[in-house]
N, C-alpha and C. Protein backbone atom coordinates (compact mmCIF):
# COMPACT_ATOMS: atom_id res chain seq x y z
N UNK A 1 -46.63 31.92 98.59
CA UNK A 1 -45.31 31.65 98.07
C UNK A 1 -44.48 32.93 98.16
N UNK A 2 -43.34 32.75 98.70
CA UNK A 2 -42.42 33.91 98.85
C UNK A 2 -41.51 34.02 97.66
N UNK A 3 -41.30 35.21 97.19
CA UNK A 3 -40.43 35.40 96.04
C UNK A 3 -39.27 36.22 96.54
N UNK A 4 -38.11 35.64 96.58
CA UNK A 4 -36.88 36.32 97.09
C UNK A 4 -35.98 36.51 95.88
N UNK A 5 -35.44 37.75 95.77
CA UNK A 5 -34.58 38.02 94.63
C UNK A 5 -33.55 39.07 95.01
N UNK A 6 -32.40 38.95 94.44
CA UNK A 6 -31.37 39.94 94.61
C UNK A 6 -31.44 40.97 93.49
N UNK A 7 -32.36 40.76 92.55
CA UNK A 7 -32.50 41.64 91.38
C UNK A 7 -33.51 42.72 91.70
N UNK A 8 -33.09 43.98 91.69
CA UNK A 8 -33.97 45.09 91.97
C UNK A 8 -34.47 45.70 90.68
N UNK A 9 -35.78 45.76 90.56
CA UNK A 9 -36.38 46.23 89.33
C UNK A 9 -37.04 47.60 89.45
N UNK A 10 -37.33 48.03 90.61
CA UNK A 10 -38.03 49.26 90.86
C UNK A 10 -39.27 49.38 89.97
N UNK A 11 -39.21 50.17 88.93
CA UNK A 11 -40.39 50.46 88.09
C UNK A 11 -40.31 49.76 86.75
N UNK A 12 -39.48 48.72 86.63
CA UNK A 12 -39.27 48.05 85.35
C UNK A 12 -40.30 46.98 85.02
N UNK A 13 -41.26 46.75 85.91
CA UNK A 13 -42.26 45.70 85.65
C UNK A 13 -43.13 46.05 84.47
N UNK A 14 -43.46 45.06 83.69
CA UNK A 14 -44.33 45.25 82.56
C UNK A 14 -45.72 45.65 83.01
N UNK A 15 -46.36 46.57 82.28
CA UNK A 15 -47.70 46.99 82.66
C UNK A 15 -48.75 45.91 82.30
N UNK A 16 -49.91 46.03 82.91
CA UNK A 16 -50.99 45.06 82.69
C UNK A 16 -51.45 45.08 81.25
N UNK A 17 -51.54 46.26 80.64
CA UNK A 17 -52.01 46.34 79.28
C UNK A 17 -50.99 45.72 78.31
N UNK A 18 -49.71 45.90 78.63
CA UNK A 18 -48.65 45.31 77.80
C UNK A 18 -48.78 43.74 77.85
N UNK A 19 -48.97 43.25 79.03
CA UNK A 19 -49.07 41.79 79.19
C UNK A 19 -50.32 41.24 78.50
N UNK A 20 -51.45 41.96 78.62
CA UNK A 20 -52.69 41.51 77.95
C UNK A 20 -52.48 41.58 76.47
N UNK A 21 -51.91 42.64 75.96
CA UNK A 21 -51.67 42.78 74.55
C UNK A 21 -50.78 41.68 73.97
N UNK A 22 -49.70 41.39 74.74
CA UNK A 22 -48.76 40.33 74.28
C UNK A 22 -49.46 38.97 74.25
N UNK A 23 -50.31 38.72 75.28
CA UNK A 23 -51.05 37.48 75.31
C UNK A 23 -52.00 37.39 74.13
N UNK A 24 -52.65 38.46 73.80
CA UNK A 24 -53.61 38.48 72.66
C UNK A 24 -52.86 38.23 71.33
N UNK A 25 -51.69 38.83 71.17
CA UNK A 25 -50.92 38.60 69.94
C UNK A 25 -50.48 37.16 69.85
N UNK A 26 -49.98 36.65 70.96
CA UNK A 26 -49.51 35.23 71.00
C UNK A 26 -50.68 34.29 70.75
N UNK A 27 -51.80 34.60 71.34
CA UNK A 27 -53.02 33.76 71.17
C UNK A 27 -53.43 33.73 69.69
N UNK A 28 -53.37 34.90 69.03
CA UNK A 28 -53.72 34.97 67.60
C UNK A 28 -52.74 34.12 66.77
N UNK A 29 -51.44 34.23 67.08
CA UNK A 29 -50.43 33.44 66.35
C UNK A 29 -50.66 31.94 66.56
N UNK A 30 -50.93 31.55 67.82
CA UNK A 30 -51.14 30.11 68.11
C UNK A 30 -52.42 29.61 67.47
N UNK A 31 -53.45 30.46 67.45
CA UNK A 31 -54.70 30.05 66.81
C UNK A 31 -54.54 29.85 65.32
N UNK A 32 -53.83 30.77 64.69
CA UNK A 32 -53.56 30.64 63.22
C UNK A 32 -52.74 29.38 62.95
N UNK A 33 -51.73 29.14 63.74
CA UNK A 33 -50.88 27.96 63.53
C UNK A 33 -51.72 26.67 63.79
N UNK A 34 -52.56 26.70 64.77
CA UNK A 34 -53.41 25.55 65.06
C UNK A 34 -54.39 25.30 63.93
N UNK A 35 -54.91 26.36 63.33
CA UNK A 35 -55.82 26.19 62.20
C UNK A 35 -55.10 25.55 61.00
N UNK A 36 -53.87 25.97 60.75
CA UNK A 36 -53.07 25.40 59.69
C UNK A 36 -52.86 23.94 59.91
N UNK A 37 -52.53 23.57 61.16
CA UNK A 37 -52.34 22.17 61.49
C UNK A 37 -53.63 21.37 61.34
N UNK A 38 -54.74 21.93 61.80
CA UNK A 38 -56.00 21.26 61.67
C UNK A 38 -56.40 21.04 60.19
N UNK A 39 -56.13 22.05 59.36
CA UNK A 39 -56.42 21.89 57.94
C UNK A 39 -55.52 20.84 57.30
N UNK A 40 -54.26 20.80 57.74
CA UNK A 40 -53.32 19.80 57.24
C UNK A 40 -53.79 18.42 57.62
N UNK A 41 -54.24 18.25 58.86
CA UNK A 41 -54.72 16.95 59.33
C UNK A 41 -55.95 16.54 58.53
N UNK A 42 -56.83 17.49 58.24
CA UNK A 42 -58.01 17.21 57.48
C UNK A 42 -57.66 16.76 56.03
N UNK A 43 -56.70 17.45 55.48
CA UNK A 43 -56.24 17.13 54.11
C UNK A 43 -55.58 15.77 54.05
N UNK A 44 -54.82 15.42 55.09
CA UNK A 44 -54.03 14.17 55.13
C UNK A 44 -54.81 13.03 55.76
N UNK A 45 -56.06 13.24 56.14
CA UNK A 45 -56.83 12.28 56.90
C UNK A 45 -56.90 10.87 56.25
N UNK A 46 -57.02 10.80 54.97
CA UNK A 46 -57.14 9.50 54.33
C UNK A 46 -55.83 8.86 53.90
N UNK A 47 -54.71 9.61 53.97
CA UNK A 47 -53.47 9.09 53.42
C UNK A 47 -52.70 8.20 54.36
N UNK A 48 -52.61 8.54 55.63
CA UNK A 48 -51.80 7.74 56.55
C UNK A 48 -52.45 7.72 57.93
N UNK A 49 -52.70 6.59 58.50
CA UNK A 49 -53.41 6.56 59.83
C UNK A 49 -52.52 7.04 60.97
N UNK A 50 -51.28 7.22 60.76
CA UNK A 50 -50.39 7.71 61.85
C UNK A 50 -50.23 9.23 61.80
N UNK A 51 -50.33 9.85 60.66
CA UNK A 51 -50.08 11.25 60.48
C UNK A 51 -51.07 12.10 61.28
N UNK A 52 -52.31 11.82 61.19
CA UNK A 52 -53.37 12.64 61.88
C UNK A 52 -53.18 12.64 63.38
N UNK A 53 -53.01 11.47 64.02
CA UNK A 53 -52.77 11.50 65.47
C UNK A 53 -51.49 12.28 65.87
N UNK A 54 -50.47 12.16 65.02
CA UNK A 54 -49.23 12.93 65.34
C UNK A 54 -49.47 14.42 65.22
N UNK A 55 -50.18 14.84 64.17
CA UNK A 55 -50.49 16.25 64.00
C UNK A 55 -51.36 16.75 65.14
N UNK A 56 -52.31 15.92 65.60
CA UNK A 56 -53.17 16.31 66.70
C UNK A 56 -52.38 16.48 68.01
N UNK A 57 -51.45 15.55 68.23
CA UNK A 57 -50.63 15.64 69.44
C UNK A 57 -49.76 16.88 69.39
N UNK A 58 -49.17 17.18 68.21
CA UNK A 58 -48.34 18.36 68.04
C UNK A 58 -49.19 19.60 68.27
N UNK A 59 -50.43 19.62 67.80
CA UNK A 59 -51.31 20.76 67.96
C UNK A 59 -51.59 21.03 69.44
N UNK A 60 -51.71 19.96 70.24
CA UNK A 60 -51.96 20.13 71.66
C UNK A 60 -50.73 20.65 72.40
N UNK A 61 -49.52 20.21 71.96
CA UNK A 61 -48.29 20.58 72.66
C UNK A 61 -47.69 21.90 72.13
N UNK A 62 -48.14 22.35 70.98
CA UNK A 62 -47.58 23.51 70.33
C UNK A 62 -47.57 24.76 71.20
N UNK A 63 -48.66 25.13 71.90
CA UNK A 63 -48.61 26.33 72.72
C UNK A 63 -47.56 26.24 73.81
N UNK A 64 -47.48 25.09 74.51
CA UNK A 64 -46.48 24.90 75.55
C UNK A 64 -45.05 25.06 74.98
N UNK A 65 -44.80 24.40 73.84
CA UNK A 65 -43.50 24.45 73.22
C UNK A 65 -43.18 25.88 72.78
N UNK A 66 -44.13 26.59 72.17
CA UNK A 66 -43.93 27.95 71.74
C UNK A 66 -43.51 28.85 72.92
N UNK A 67 -44.26 28.80 74.00
CA UNK A 67 -43.87 29.64 75.17
C UNK A 67 -42.55 29.22 75.75
N UNK A 68 -42.32 27.94 75.93
CA UNK A 68 -41.07 27.49 76.56
C UNK A 68 -39.85 27.84 75.72
N UNK A 69 -39.89 27.62 74.43
CA UNK A 69 -38.74 27.92 73.55
C UNK A 69 -38.53 29.40 73.44
N UNK A 70 -39.57 30.17 73.16
CA UNK A 70 -39.41 31.60 72.94
C UNK A 70 -38.96 32.34 74.22
N UNK A 71 -39.52 31.99 75.37
CA UNK A 71 -39.21 32.66 76.57
C UNK A 71 -37.84 32.24 77.19
N UNK A 72 -37.33 31.12 76.73
CA UNK A 72 -35.97 30.73 77.17
C UNK A 72 -34.93 31.08 76.11
N UNK A 73 -35.34 31.74 75.02
CA UNK A 73 -34.38 32.14 73.99
C UNK A 73 -33.60 33.36 74.47
N UNK A 74 -32.62 33.77 73.74
CA UNK A 74 -31.79 34.91 74.12
C UNK A 74 -32.62 36.18 74.35
N UNK A 75 -33.71 36.35 73.63
CA UNK A 75 -34.56 37.54 73.84
C UNK A 75 -35.48 37.41 75.02
N UNK A 76 -35.76 36.18 75.49
CA UNK A 76 -36.58 35.98 76.66
C UNK A 76 -38.03 36.43 76.44
N UNK A 77 -38.50 36.31 75.19
CA UNK A 77 -39.82 36.84 74.89
C UNK A 77 -40.48 36.09 73.77
N UNK A 78 -41.79 35.99 73.83
CA UNK A 78 -42.56 35.49 72.70
C UNK A 78 -42.66 36.63 71.66
N UNK A 79 -43.27 36.34 70.52
CA UNK A 79 -43.43 37.38 69.51
C UNK A 79 -44.29 38.54 70.03
N UNK A 80 -45.36 38.19 70.73
CA UNK A 80 -46.20 39.25 71.36
C UNK A 80 -45.43 40.11 72.31
N UNK A 81 -44.64 39.51 73.14
CA UNK A 81 -43.84 40.28 74.09
C UNK A 81 -42.78 41.15 73.40
N UNK A 82 -42.16 40.59 72.34
CA UNK A 82 -41.18 41.37 71.59
C UNK A 82 -41.80 42.59 70.97
N UNK A 83 -42.98 42.43 70.36
CA UNK A 83 -43.68 43.55 69.71
C UNK A 83 -44.00 44.65 70.75
N UNK A 84 -44.39 44.24 71.95
CA UNK A 84 -44.78 45.22 72.98
C UNK A 84 -43.61 45.62 73.93
N UNK A 85 -42.40 45.14 73.64
CA UNK A 85 -41.24 45.61 74.38
C UNK A 85 -41.15 45.09 75.83
N UNK A 86 -41.57 43.86 76.04
CA UNK A 86 -41.42 43.24 77.37
C UNK A 86 -40.77 41.90 77.24
N UNK A 87 -40.24 41.37 78.36
CA UNK A 87 -39.60 40.07 78.35
C UNK A 87 -39.69 39.41 79.69
N UNK A 88 -39.40 38.13 79.73
CA UNK A 88 -39.45 37.32 80.95
C UNK A 88 -38.02 37.18 81.49
N UNK A 89 -37.89 37.33 82.79
CA UNK A 89 -36.58 37.16 83.45
C UNK A 89 -36.78 36.31 84.69
N UNK A 90 -35.68 35.67 85.13
CA UNK A 90 -35.74 34.91 86.37
C UNK A 90 -35.49 35.85 87.57
N UNK A 91 -35.35 35.31 88.76
CA UNK A 91 -35.21 36.09 89.94
C UNK A 91 -33.97 36.98 89.96
N UNK A 92 -32.97 36.59 89.20
CA UNK A 92 -31.72 37.36 89.15
C UNK A 92 -31.67 38.33 87.96
N UNK A 93 -32.69 38.33 87.16
CA UNK A 93 -32.77 39.24 86.02
C UNK A 93 -32.25 38.66 84.71
N UNK A 94 -31.93 37.36 84.71
CA UNK A 94 -31.45 36.70 83.52
C UNK A 94 -32.59 36.02 82.77
N UNK A 95 -32.36 35.71 81.51
CA UNK A 95 -33.31 34.96 80.74
C UNK A 95 -33.52 33.60 81.39
N UNK A 96 -34.76 33.16 81.54
CA UNK A 96 -35.02 31.90 82.22
C UNK A 96 -34.45 30.71 81.43
N UNK A 97 -34.11 29.64 82.14
CA UNK A 97 -33.67 28.43 81.48
C UNK A 97 -34.89 27.76 80.77
N UNK A 98 -34.64 26.82 79.92
CA UNK A 98 -35.75 26.14 79.25
C UNK A 98 -36.65 25.47 80.25
N UNK A 99 -36.07 24.83 81.30
CA UNK A 99 -36.87 24.20 82.33
C UNK A 99 -37.81 25.15 83.06
N UNK A 100 -37.28 26.30 83.42
CA UNK A 100 -38.11 27.32 84.12
C UNK A 100 -39.17 27.85 83.18
N UNK A 101 -38.82 28.12 81.92
CA UNK A 101 -39.80 28.63 80.97
C UNK A 101 -40.86 27.54 80.65
N UNK A 102 -40.44 26.28 80.60
CA UNK A 102 -41.41 25.18 80.39
C UNK A 102 -42.39 25.05 81.54
N UNK A 103 -41.87 25.17 82.77
CA UNK A 103 -42.74 25.16 83.95
C UNK A 103 -43.71 26.32 83.91
N UNK A 104 -43.23 27.50 83.54
CA UNK A 104 -44.04 28.70 83.49
C UNK A 104 -45.14 28.55 82.43
N UNK A 105 -44.87 27.81 81.38
CA UNK A 105 -45.81 27.65 80.28
C UNK A 105 -47.01 26.74 80.59
N UNK A 106 -46.84 25.84 81.51
CA UNK A 106 -47.89 24.85 81.78
C UNK A 106 -49.21 25.54 82.17
N UNK A 107 -49.25 26.39 83.17
CA UNK A 107 -50.53 27.05 83.54
C UNK A 107 -51.06 27.95 82.42
N UNK A 108 -50.18 28.51 81.64
CA UNK A 108 -50.61 29.38 80.50
C UNK A 108 -51.38 28.62 79.45
N UNK A 109 -51.10 27.29 79.33
CA UNK A 109 -51.67 26.46 78.31
C UNK A 109 -52.95 25.76 78.75
N UNK A 110 -53.32 25.95 80.00
CA UNK A 110 -54.54 25.34 80.53
C UNK A 110 -55.57 26.44 80.80
N UNK A 111 -56.53 26.60 79.93
CA UNK A 111 -57.49 27.67 80.10
C UNK A 111 -58.17 27.72 81.47
N UNK A 112 -58.31 26.58 82.14
CA UNK A 112 -58.93 26.61 83.43
C UNK A 112 -58.07 27.39 84.47
N UNK A 113 -56.81 27.55 84.18
CA UNK A 113 -55.89 28.28 85.07
C UNK A 113 -55.67 29.75 84.66
N UNK A 114 -56.30 30.21 83.57
CA UNK A 114 -56.13 31.55 83.10
C UNK A 114 -56.55 32.61 84.12
N UNK A 115 -57.51 32.29 85.04
CA UNK A 115 -57.80 33.29 86.07
C UNK A 115 -56.55 33.63 86.92
N UNK A 116 -55.52 32.80 86.84
CA UNK A 116 -54.27 33.06 87.56
C UNK A 116 -53.57 34.33 87.04
N UNK A 117 -53.98 34.84 85.87
CA UNK A 117 -53.43 36.07 85.38
C UNK A 117 -53.83 37.23 86.31
N UNK A 118 -54.97 37.09 86.97
CA UNK A 118 -55.41 38.15 87.85
C UNK A 118 -54.47 38.41 89.04
N UNK A 119 -53.67 37.43 89.37
CA UNK A 119 -52.72 37.62 90.47
C UNK A 119 -51.78 38.76 90.19
N UNK A 120 -51.54 39.04 88.93
CA UNK A 120 -50.63 40.14 88.59
C UNK A 120 -51.20 41.50 89.06
N UNK A 121 -52.47 41.58 89.19
CA UNK A 121 -53.11 42.85 89.65
C UNK A 121 -52.82 43.02 91.13
N UNK A 122 -52.70 41.94 91.87
CA UNK A 122 -52.62 42.04 93.33
C UNK A 122 -51.23 41.81 93.90
N UNK A 123 -50.27 41.42 93.12
CA UNK A 123 -48.95 41.20 93.66
C UNK A 123 -48.04 42.41 93.41
N UNK A 124 -47.14 42.63 94.32
CA UNK A 124 -46.26 43.81 94.28
C UNK A 124 -45.42 43.85 93.01
N UNK A 125 -44.95 42.70 92.55
CA UNK A 125 -44.10 42.65 91.37
C UNK A 125 -44.89 42.30 90.10
N UNK A 126 -46.19 42.44 90.17
CA UNK A 126 -47.07 42.11 89.01
C UNK A 126 -46.88 40.73 88.45
N UNK A 127 -46.74 39.77 89.38
CA UNK A 127 -46.53 38.37 89.01
C UNK A 127 -47.87 37.67 88.92
N UNK A 128 -48.13 37.01 87.78
CA UNK A 128 -49.27 36.14 87.62
C UNK A 128 -48.97 34.82 88.27
N UNK A 129 -49.96 33.95 88.36
CA UNK A 129 -49.81 32.63 88.93
C UNK A 129 -48.65 31.85 88.31
N UNK A 130 -48.53 31.89 86.99
CA UNK A 130 -47.42 31.15 86.33
C UNK A 130 -46.09 31.74 86.64
N UNK A 131 -46.03 33.05 86.92
CA UNK A 131 -44.77 33.68 87.31
C UNK A 131 -44.37 33.27 88.72
N UNK A 132 -45.36 33.21 89.60
CA UNK A 132 -45.09 32.81 90.97
C UNK A 132 -44.56 31.38 91.02
N UNK A 133 -45.15 30.50 90.26
CA UNK A 133 -44.73 29.09 90.26
C UNK A 133 -43.31 28.96 89.74
N UNK A 134 -43.02 29.64 88.65
CA UNK A 134 -41.70 29.53 88.02
C UNK A 134 -40.66 30.50 88.56
N UNK A 135 -41.06 31.37 89.48
CA UNK A 135 -40.19 32.38 90.05
C UNK A 135 -39.59 33.26 88.91
N UNK A 136 -40.47 33.83 88.14
CA UNK A 136 -40.09 34.71 87.08
C UNK A 136 -40.80 36.07 87.18
N UNK A 137 -40.37 37.02 86.41
CA UNK A 137 -40.96 38.36 86.32
C UNK A 137 -41.10 38.71 84.88
N UNK A 138 -42.06 39.55 84.56
CA UNK A 138 -42.16 40.14 83.22
C UNK A 138 -41.78 41.61 83.37
N UNK A 139 -40.76 42.00 82.64
CA UNK A 139 -40.20 43.38 82.74
C UNK A 139 -40.18 44.04 81.38
N UNK A 140 -40.00 45.34 81.42
CA UNK A 140 -39.81 46.07 80.16
C UNK A 140 -38.44 45.71 79.60
N UNK A 141 -38.40 45.45 78.30
CA UNK A 141 -37.15 45.11 77.66
C UNK A 141 -36.30 46.34 77.53
N UNK A 142 -35.00 46.15 77.59
CA UNK A 142 -34.06 47.30 77.53
C UNK A 142 -33.76 47.68 76.08
């Protein structure tokens, strides 16, 4: 896949350790939120037959929604990325649209595709598989 951009970043790409750290922070946040939802579902299990399936569906979609909303926000970053001073941008250097961020989030939410993170080690612009698909970059925040 060819990545063509008019946006010149030179040395502004996020480092591998920054990306790994941001992923770890986001994973911890999502795990904690998922645990709260699971406990809520357990608590509400006997009260309403519709509530538990809805909470379970929300729990499955929550990581995708978290990444898509946060990375398409004005900051262009999840909480982990904000803490570590990095953000997601499109090919022109702008915050990605919700659609682009949602596309980028799909491979991130499927553990079987997590080896795609290794692509960032071998690509010139440090793009992981999900960045290549969505035509995005992770850069140092200004």
